[in-house]
Amino acid sequence: MPLHTKIAGIGYYVPEKVVTNDDLAQVMETSDAWIQERTGIRERRYAKKHEETTTTMAARAAEIAIERAGIQKNEVDFIIFATLSPDYYFPGCGVLLQRELGITKTEIGALDIRNQCTGFVYGLSVADQFVKTGMYKNILLVGAEMHSMGMEFDTRGRNVTVIFGDGAGAVILQPTEAEGQGILTTHLHSDGTHAEQLAVLSPGSHGGHHLAEAKFDYPDSEYGDIFVYPELLENKSFYPAMDGQLVFKNAIVKFPEVIGEALQKTGLSSTDIDLLVPHQANLRISQFVQSRLGLRNDQVWNNIQKYGNTTAASIPIALCEAWEAGKVKEGDLVCLAAFGSGFTWGSALIRW
């Protein structure tokens, strides 16, 4: 019997600290009304500095997923970790999570994925191939972010800073022989044409390539530490930069396209979707996609109002919340879709 991939356990973690729009208005020129009108966000969570990290949050979510899957930590045989805000520039968070969970003795593989908002969907597709070929039986897939450590908390950075929050989500993926269940299809895409329009440009090693749009260049030096040039402190290129309108225009096109691709591949239609869990980029984007697909409010799970955009963590957090609320039941058709920096985008259809 051919193997399929099922989600055997799911969990999420968000920090205790709630940061409201009014809180941000104390450190930058903004308001609750301004933020809600543009993004739909009311509040987000920030992790405890020097106590919590991307990895520790991931571990808390992973422990819940492992317990719900009915396995022990040492039964995990592969880790996939998606994030844009790792603890260190390198090594990646995969091995750090292995250490945090106390499963280093098994010496399992750990893979780090850097596809930002689409990271969890990319990770799901990669894990699906490993499971279907019989290579691994208990894959831990995590999406986790600690954005609060790298935001620009002033008026210059408000268009980006007000959007993002911290959190983590995790799933355990296992094989099943049940026909028509589990992951039915995944679809991944990218287009690097506008890569600099949603990016953190430093630290980096581009040395002037594609920097007409970035508005700065490195000093002319054969050798040097690219991480500490004074110019970087002046132009603040180590903070996220985003052309919000361009991202929005592309997202509302690619979201419906990649969902339609998944439906066409499986011979299904939007009327068959029981629940759409989109990446929580912007409530206006989710509402546009919902309208294009003709879905009711109860067929779409949005939680950006409470958590902001948690990038790679947004889909697993939202999916877990929906499952805990009884909105995801056995036999349901669940659609996941994401669009983000790169640009990258993707979708997955899952028969629960």
Protein backbone atom coordinates (compact mmCIF):
# COMPACT_ATOMS: atom_id res chain seq x y z
CA MET A 1 0.00 0.00 0.00
CA PRO A 2 1.33 3.48 -0.85
CA LEU A 3 2.16 5.69 2.08
CA HIS A 4 0.58 9.07 2.73
CA THR A 5 1.50 11.72 5.28
CA LYS A 6 -0.79 12.61 8.16
CA ILE A 7 -0.57 15.18 10.93
CA ALA A 8 -0.47 13.00 14.04
CA GLY A 9 0.03 15.76 16.61
CA ILE A 10 -0.08 19.55 16.68
CA GLY A 11 0.81 22.23 19.19
CA TYR A 12 1.55 25.94 19.51
CA TYR A 13 3.06 28.41 21.93
CA VAL A 14 2.75 32.18 22.18
CA PRO A 15 4.45 34.33 24.83
CA GLU A 16 2.48 35.76 27.73
CA LYS A 17 3.29 39.41 27.04
CA VAL A 18 0.52 41.14 25.08
CA VAL A 19 1.50 44.30 23.17
CA THR A 20 -1.47 46.35 21.99
CA ASN A 21 -1.62 48.95 19.25
CA ASP A 22 -1.92 51.60 21.94
CA ASP A 23 1.33 50.33 23.46
CA LEU A 24 3.13 50.86 20.15
CA ALA A 25 1.61 54.32 19.84
CA GLN A 26 3.71 55.28 22.85
CA VAL A 27 6.96 54.83 20.92
CA MET A 28 6.00 55.80 17.36
CA GLU A 29 3.49 57.94 15.48
CA THR A 30 0.61 55.53 15.00
CA SER A 31 -2.76 54.65 16.48
CA ASP A 32 -5.02 51.69 17.09
CA ALA A 33 -7.38 52.89 14.33
CA TRP A 34 -4.52 53.35 11.83
CA ILE A 35 -3.13 49.84 12.43
CA GLN A 36 -6.49 48.06 12.43
CA GLU A 37 -7.62 49.80 9.25
CA ARG A 38 -4.51 48.69 7.34
CA THR A 39 -3.83 45.26 8.83
CA GLY A 40 -6.71 44.13 11.04
CA ILE A 41 -4.26 43.66 13.93
CA ARG A 42 -5.28 44.65 17.46
CA GLU A 43 -2.42 43.13 19.45
CA ARG A 44 0.54 40.78 19.24
CA ARG A 45 2.77 38.79 21.63
CA TYR A 46 6.40 39.53 22.49
CA ALA A 47 8.75 36.97 24.04
CA LYS A 48 10.76 37.64 27.21
CA LYS A 49 14.16 38.98 26.20
CA HIS A 50 17.13 37.00 27.55
CA GLU A 51 14.72 34.28 28.71
CA GLU A 52 12.92 33.14 25.56
CA THR A 53 14.27 32.59 22.06
CA THR A 54 12.97 31.30 18.76
CA THR A 55 14.24 27.85 19.77
CA THR A 56 12.76 27.76 23.28
CA MET A 57 9.34 28.78 21.94
CA ALA A 58 9.64 26.10 19.26
CA ALA A 59 10.43 23.53 21.95
CA ARG A 60 7.30 24.38 23.91
CA ALA A 61 5.13 23.96 20.80
CA ALA A 62 6.99 20.77 19.84
CA GLU A 63 6.47 19.18 23.24
CA ILE A 64 2.72 19.62 22.90
CA ALA A 65 2.70 18.18 19.37
CA ILE A 66 4.83 15.20 20.45
CA GLU A 67 2.54 14.43 23.38
CA ARG A 68 -0.58 14.68 21.22
CA ALA A 69 0.99 12.35 18.66
CA GLY A 70 1.39 9.75 21.40
CA ILE A 71 5.12 9.32 20.93
CA GLN A 72 8.25 9.96 22.99
CA LYS A 73 10.75 12.67 22.12
CA ASN A 74 13.41 10.12 21.21
CA GLU A 75 11.07 8.63 18.60
CA VAL A 76 11.37 11.77 16.47
CA ASP A 77 13.64 10.77 13.59
CA PHE A 78 13.98 14.07 11.69
CA ILE A 79 13.57 17.78 12.44
CA ILE A 80 12.57 20.51 9.99
CA PHE A 81 12.75 24.05 11.36
CA ALA A 82 11.34 27.06 9.47
CA THR A 83 12.22 30.58 10.65
CA LEU A 84 13.55 33.95 9.52
CA SER A 85 14.58 34.96 13.06
CA PRO A 86 17.02 32.28 14.24
CA ASP A 87 18.82 32.42 17.58
CA TYR A 88 22.14 32.75 15.75
CA TYR A 89 23.22 33.76 12.25
CA PHE A 90 24.51 30.18 12.23
CA PRO A 91 24.10 27.38 13.19
CA GLY A 92 20.43 27.05 12.41
CA CYS A 93 17.69 26.41 14.94
CA GLY A 94 17.19 22.77 13.96
CA VAL A 95 20.14 21.50 15.99
CA LEU A 96 19.35 23.96 18.80
CA LEU A 97 15.84 22.53 19.02
CA GLN A 98 17.27 19.02 19.11
CA ARG A 99 19.42 20.07 22.08
CA GLU A 100 16.56 21.91 23.80
CA LEU A 101 14.36 18.81 23.57
CA GLY A 102 17.15 16.61 24.95
CA ILE A 103 17.28 14.23 22.00
CA THR A 104 20.90 14.65 20.88
CA LYS A 105 21.83 11.03 21.63
CA THR A 106 19.78 9.81 18.68
CA GLU A 107 21.83 12.08 16.35
CA ILE A 108 18.91 12.60 13.99
CA GLY A 109 19.10 14.96 11.03
CA ALA A 110 17.97 18.58 11.33
CA LEU A 111 17.07 20.75 8.34
CA ASP A 112 16.62 24.53 8.43
CA ILE A 113 14.28 26.26 6.00
CA ARG A 114 14.60 29.95 5.12
CA ASN A 115 11.44 30.66 3.15
CA GLN A 116 10.01 33.21 5.56
CA CYS A 117 6.19 33.40 5.43
CA THR A 118 6.00 30.31 3.22
CA GLY A 119 8.43 28.34 5.37
CA PHE A 120 5.91 26.04 7.01
CA VAL A 121 4.28 25.08 3.69
CA TYR A 122 7.71 24.44 2.15
CA GLY A 123 8.62 22.34 5.18
CA LEU A 124 5.38 20.40 4.91
CA SER A 125 6.10 19.58 1.27
CA VAL A 126 9.66 18.44 2.05
CA ALA A 127 8.48 16.30 4.97
CA ASP A 128 5.77 14.76 2.81
CA GLN A 129 8.37 13.42 0.38
CA PHE A 130 10.44 11.89 3.19
CA VAL A 131 7.40 10.18 4.71
CA LYS A 132 5.96 8.88 1.42
CA THR A 133 9.27 7.28 0.50
CA GLY A 134 9.46 5.56 3.89
CA MET A 135 12.63 7.36 4.93
CA TYR A 136 11.22 8.77 8.20
CA LYS A 137 8.29 7.85 10.43
CA ASN A 138 8.09 10.73 12.92
CA ILE A 139 9.08 14.10 11.47
CA LEU A 140 8.93 17.15 13.72
CA LEU A 141 8.11 20.22 11.63
CA VAL A 142 8.27 23.58 13.38
CA GLY A 143 7.65 27.19 12.42
CA ALA A 144 8.84 29.71 15.02
CA GLU A 145 9.67 33.41 15.13
CA MET A 146 10.96 36.01 17.58
CA HIS A 147 10.44 39.17 15.54
CA SER A 148 10.46 41.50 18.52
CA MET A 149 14.25 41.26 18.80
CA GLY A 150 14.78 42.82 15.36
CA MET A 151 12.10 45.46 14.79
CA GLU A 152 12.66 49.21 14.43
CA PHE A 153 10.63 50.74 17.24
CA ASP A 154 10.22 54.28 15.92
CA THR A 155 8.10 56.12 13.38
CA ARG A 156 10.46 55.28 10.50
CA GLY A 157 9.91 51.58 11.05
CA ARG A 158 6.24 51.57 11.96
CA ASN A 159 4.91 50.17 8.65
CA VAL A 160 6.78 46.95 9.37
CA THR A 161 7.00 46.87 13.16
CA VAL A 162 3.26 47.09 13.86
CA ILE A 163 2.64 43.94 11.81
CA PHE A 164 4.84 41.31 13.45
CA GLY A 165 4.65 39.22 16.61
CA ASP A 166 6.35 36.24 18.26
CA GLY A 167 5.25 32.62 18.56
CA ALA A 168 5.74 29.02 17.47
CA GLY A 169 3.73 26.14 16.02
CA ALA A 170 4.67 22.49 15.48
CA VAL A 171 3.36 19.26 14.00
CA ILE A 172 4.40 15.60 14.05
CA LEU A 173 4.07 14.01 10.62
CA GLN A 174 3.65 10.25 10.27
CA PRO A 175 2.88 7.74 7.51
CA THR A 176 -0.59 6.33 6.97
CA GLU A 177 -1.89 3.78 4.48
CA ALA A 178 -5.43 5.18 4.60
CA GLU A 179 -6.35 6.06 1.03
CA GLY A 180 -7.43 9.65 0.42
CA GLN A 181 -6.25 10.88 3.82
CA GLY A 182 -3.39 13.08 4.96
CA ILE A 183 -1.55 15.45 2.66
CA LEU A 184 -3.20 15.23 -0.76
CA THR A 185 -0.97 17.69 -2.62
CA THR A 186 1.50 20.52 -2.11
CA HIS A 187 2.54 23.27 -4.53
CA LEU A 188 5.57 25.56 -4.19
CA HIS A 189 6.56 28.63 -6.21
CA SER A 190 8.96 31.56 -6.17
CA ASP A 191 9.91 34.66 -8.15
CA GLY A 192 12.99 36.62 -7.06
CA THR A 193 12.29 39.66 -9.24
CA HIS A 194 11.29 41.84 -6.29
CA ALA A 195 13.42 40.17 -3.62
CA GLU A 196 14.63 43.47 -2.10
CA GLN A 197 11.09 44.78 -1.61
CA LEU A 198 10.56 42.64 1.48
CA ALA A 199 13.93 41.94 2.99
CA VAL A 200 16.59 42.48 5.61
CA LEU A 201 19.56 43.55 3.47
CA SER A 202 22.27 43.40 6.13
CA PRO A 203 24.22 41.55 7.27
CA GLY A 204 24.93 40.28 3.80
CA SER A 205 27.61 39.83 1.17
CA HIS A 206 25.98 41.34 -1.92
CA GLY A 207 28.58 44.14 -2.09
CA GLY A 208 26.57 46.44 -4.33
CA HIS A 209 24.64 43.94 -6.45
CA HIS A 210 20.98 44.99 -6.81
CA LEU A 211 21.56 47.92 -4.47
CA ALA A 212 20.09 50.62 -6.71
CA GLU A 213 16.81 49.85 -4.98
CA ALA A 214 18.46 49.47 -1.59
CA LYS A 215 19.85 53.05 -1.66
CA PHE A 216 23.25 52.20 -0.17
CA ASP A 217 26.53 50.42 -0.82
CA TYR A 218 29.39 49.03 1.22
CA PRO A 219 32.70 50.93 1.51
CA ASP A 220 35.30 50.12 -1.13
CA SER A 221 37.54 47.73 0.75
CA GLU A 222 39.13 44.46 -0.29
CA TYR A 223 38.81 43.05 3.20
CA GLY A 224 36.55 43.92 6.07
CA ASP A 225 33.91 42.91 8.52
CA ILE A 226 30.64 43.31 6.63
CA PHE A 227 28.65 43.10 9.85
CA VAL A 228 29.92 46.27 11.53
CA TYR A 229 30.44 48.97 8.92
CA PRO A 230 29.41 52.35 10.36
CA GLU A 231 27.31 52.90 7.24
CA LEU A 232 25.03 50.07 8.32
CA LEU A 233 24.27 51.87 11.56
CA GLU A 234 23.41 54.99 9.61
CA ASN A 235 21.18 53.47 6.92
CA LYS A 236 19.72 50.88 9.33
CA SER A 237 19.68 48.20 6.64
CA PHE A 238 19.73 45.53 9.34
CA TYR A 239 16.03 46.30 9.96
CA PRO A 240 13.28 44.79 7.79
CA ALA A 241 12.21 46.86 4.79
CA MET A 242 8.95 46.37 2.91
CA ASP A 243 7.06 47.84 0.00
CA GLY A 244 3.66 47.02 1.47
CA GLN A 245 1.60 47.93 -1.58
CA LEU A 246 3.70 45.77 -3.90
CA VAL A 247 3.49 42.82 -1.51
CA PHE A 248 -0.28 43.24 -1.20
CA LYS A 249 -0.82 43.42 -4.98
CA ASN A 250 1.17 40.24 -5.56
CA ALA A 251 -0.32 38.36 -2.62
CA ILE A 252 -3.94 38.81 -3.69
CA VAL A 253 -3.04 37.32 -7.08
CA LYS A 254 -0.81 34.43 -6.00
CA PHE A 255 -2.92 33.27 -3.04
CA PRO A 256 -5.98 32.35 -5.15
CA GLU A 257 -3.79 31.00 -7.96
CA VAL A 258 -1.88 28.51 -5.82
CA ILE A 259 -5.04 27.40 -4.00
CA GLY A 260 -6.72 26.87 -7.37
CA GLU A 261 -3.71 24.84 -8.51
CA ALA A 262 -4.10 22.48 -5.56
CA LEU A 263 -7.84 22.09 -6.13
CA GLN A 264 -7.35 21.40 -9.84
CA LYS A 265 -4.67 18.79 -9.09
CA THR A 266 -7.04 16.87 -6.83
CA GLY A 267 -10.20 17.36 -8.90
CA LEU A 268 -11.82 19.36 -6.11
CA SER A 269 -13.36 22.83 -5.96
CA SER A 270 -13.52 25.64 -3.42
CA THR A 271 -16.94 24.35 -2.34
CA ASP A 272 -15.20 21.22 -1.03
CA ILE A 273 -12.98 23.18 1.38
CA ASP A 274 -14.09 22.81 4.99
CA LEU A 275 -11.46 25.21 6.34
CA LEU A 276 -8.93 27.56 4.78
CA VAL A 277 -5.98 28.44 7.01
CA PRO A 278 -4.05 31.21 5.26
CA HIS A 279 -0.73 32.66 6.35
CA GLN A 280 -1.61 35.56 8.62
CA ALA A 281 0.03 38.38 6.65
CA ASN A 282 -2.77 40.90 6.63
CA LEU A 283 -6.46 40.50 7.42
CA ARG A 284 -7.36 42.43 4.25
CA ILE A 285 -5.50 39.87 2.13
CA SER A 286 -7.29 36.97 3.84
CA GLN A 287 -10.65 38.64 3.35
CA PHE A 288 -9.91 39.23 -0.34
CA VAL A 289 -8.94 35.59 -0.86
CA GLN A 290 -12.04 34.45 1.03
CA SER A 291 -14.21 36.55 -1.27
CA ARG A 292 -12.50 35.23 -4.42
CA LEU A 293 -13.07 31.63 -3.31
CA GLY A 294 -16.66 32.26 -2.20
CA LEU A 295 -16.05 31.00 1.33
CA ARG A 296 -18.11 31.86 4.40
CA ASN A 297 -16.54 33.45 7.48
CA ASP A 298 -16.74 30.13 9.33
CA GLN A 299 -14.69 28.46 6.57
CA VAL A 300 -11.63 30.66 7.12
CA TRP A 301 -9.51 30.79 10.29
CA ASN A 302 -7.94 34.17 11.03
CA ASN A 303 -6.08 35.02 14.22
CA ILE A 304 -3.87 37.89 13.03
CA GLN A 305 -6.05 40.16 15.17
CA LYS A 306 -4.53 38.58 18.31
CA TYR A 307 -1.02 37.61 17.26
CA GLY A 308 -0.03 39.75 14.28
CA ASN A 309 2.07 38.18 11.56
CA THR A 310 4.23 35.40 13.03
CA THR A 311 5.68 34.52 9.61
CA ALA A 312 6.69 30.81 9.50
CA ALA A 313 4.74 30.19 12.72
CA SER A 314 1.45 31.71 11.57
CA ILE A 315 -0.04 28.71 9.76
CA PRO A 316 0.75 26.07 12.43
CA ILE A 317 -0.45 28.40 15.21
CA ALA A 318 -3.70 29.10 13.37
CA LEU A 319 -4.18 25.45 12.40
CA CYS A 320 -3.67 24.32 15.99
CA GLU A 321 -6.09 26.94 17.31
CA ALA A 322 -8.69 25.84 14.78
CA TRP A 323 -8.21 22.18 15.71
CA GLU A 324 -8.49 22.94 19.42
CA ALA A 325 -11.70 24.90 18.73
CA GLY A 326 -13.24 21.87 16.99
CA LYS A 327 -13.12 23.50 13.55
CA VAL A 328 -10.93 20.72 12.13
CA LYS A 329 -12.48 17.26 12.31
CA GLU A 330 -11.69 13.86 10.86
CA GLY A 331 -12.52 13.80 7.17
CA ASP A 332 -12.40 17.59 6.76
CA LEU A 333 -10.63 19.09 3.76
CA VAL A 334 -8.17 21.70 5.05
CA CYS A 335 -6.37 24.11 2.74
CA LEU A 336 -3.15 25.86 3.79
CA ALA A 337 -1.73 28.72 1.72
CA ALA A 338 1.02 31.30 2.13
CA PHE A 339 2.76 34.16 0.33
CA GLY A 340 5.77 36.14 1.46
CA SER A 341 9.30 37.44 1.05
CA GLY A 342 11.24 36.19 -1.92
CA PHE A 343 8.65 36.28 -3.28
CA THR A 344 7.67 32.72 -2.41
CA TRP A 345 4.22 31.18 -2.19
CA GLY A 346 2.66 27.76 -1.80
CA SER A 347 -0.36 25.69 -0.85
CA ALA A 348 -1.26 22.32 0.63
CA LEU A 349 -4.49 20.33 0.75
CA ILE A 350 -4.96 17.97 3.67
CA ARG A 351 -7.72 15.43 4.30
CA TRP A 352 -7.77 15.33 8.10
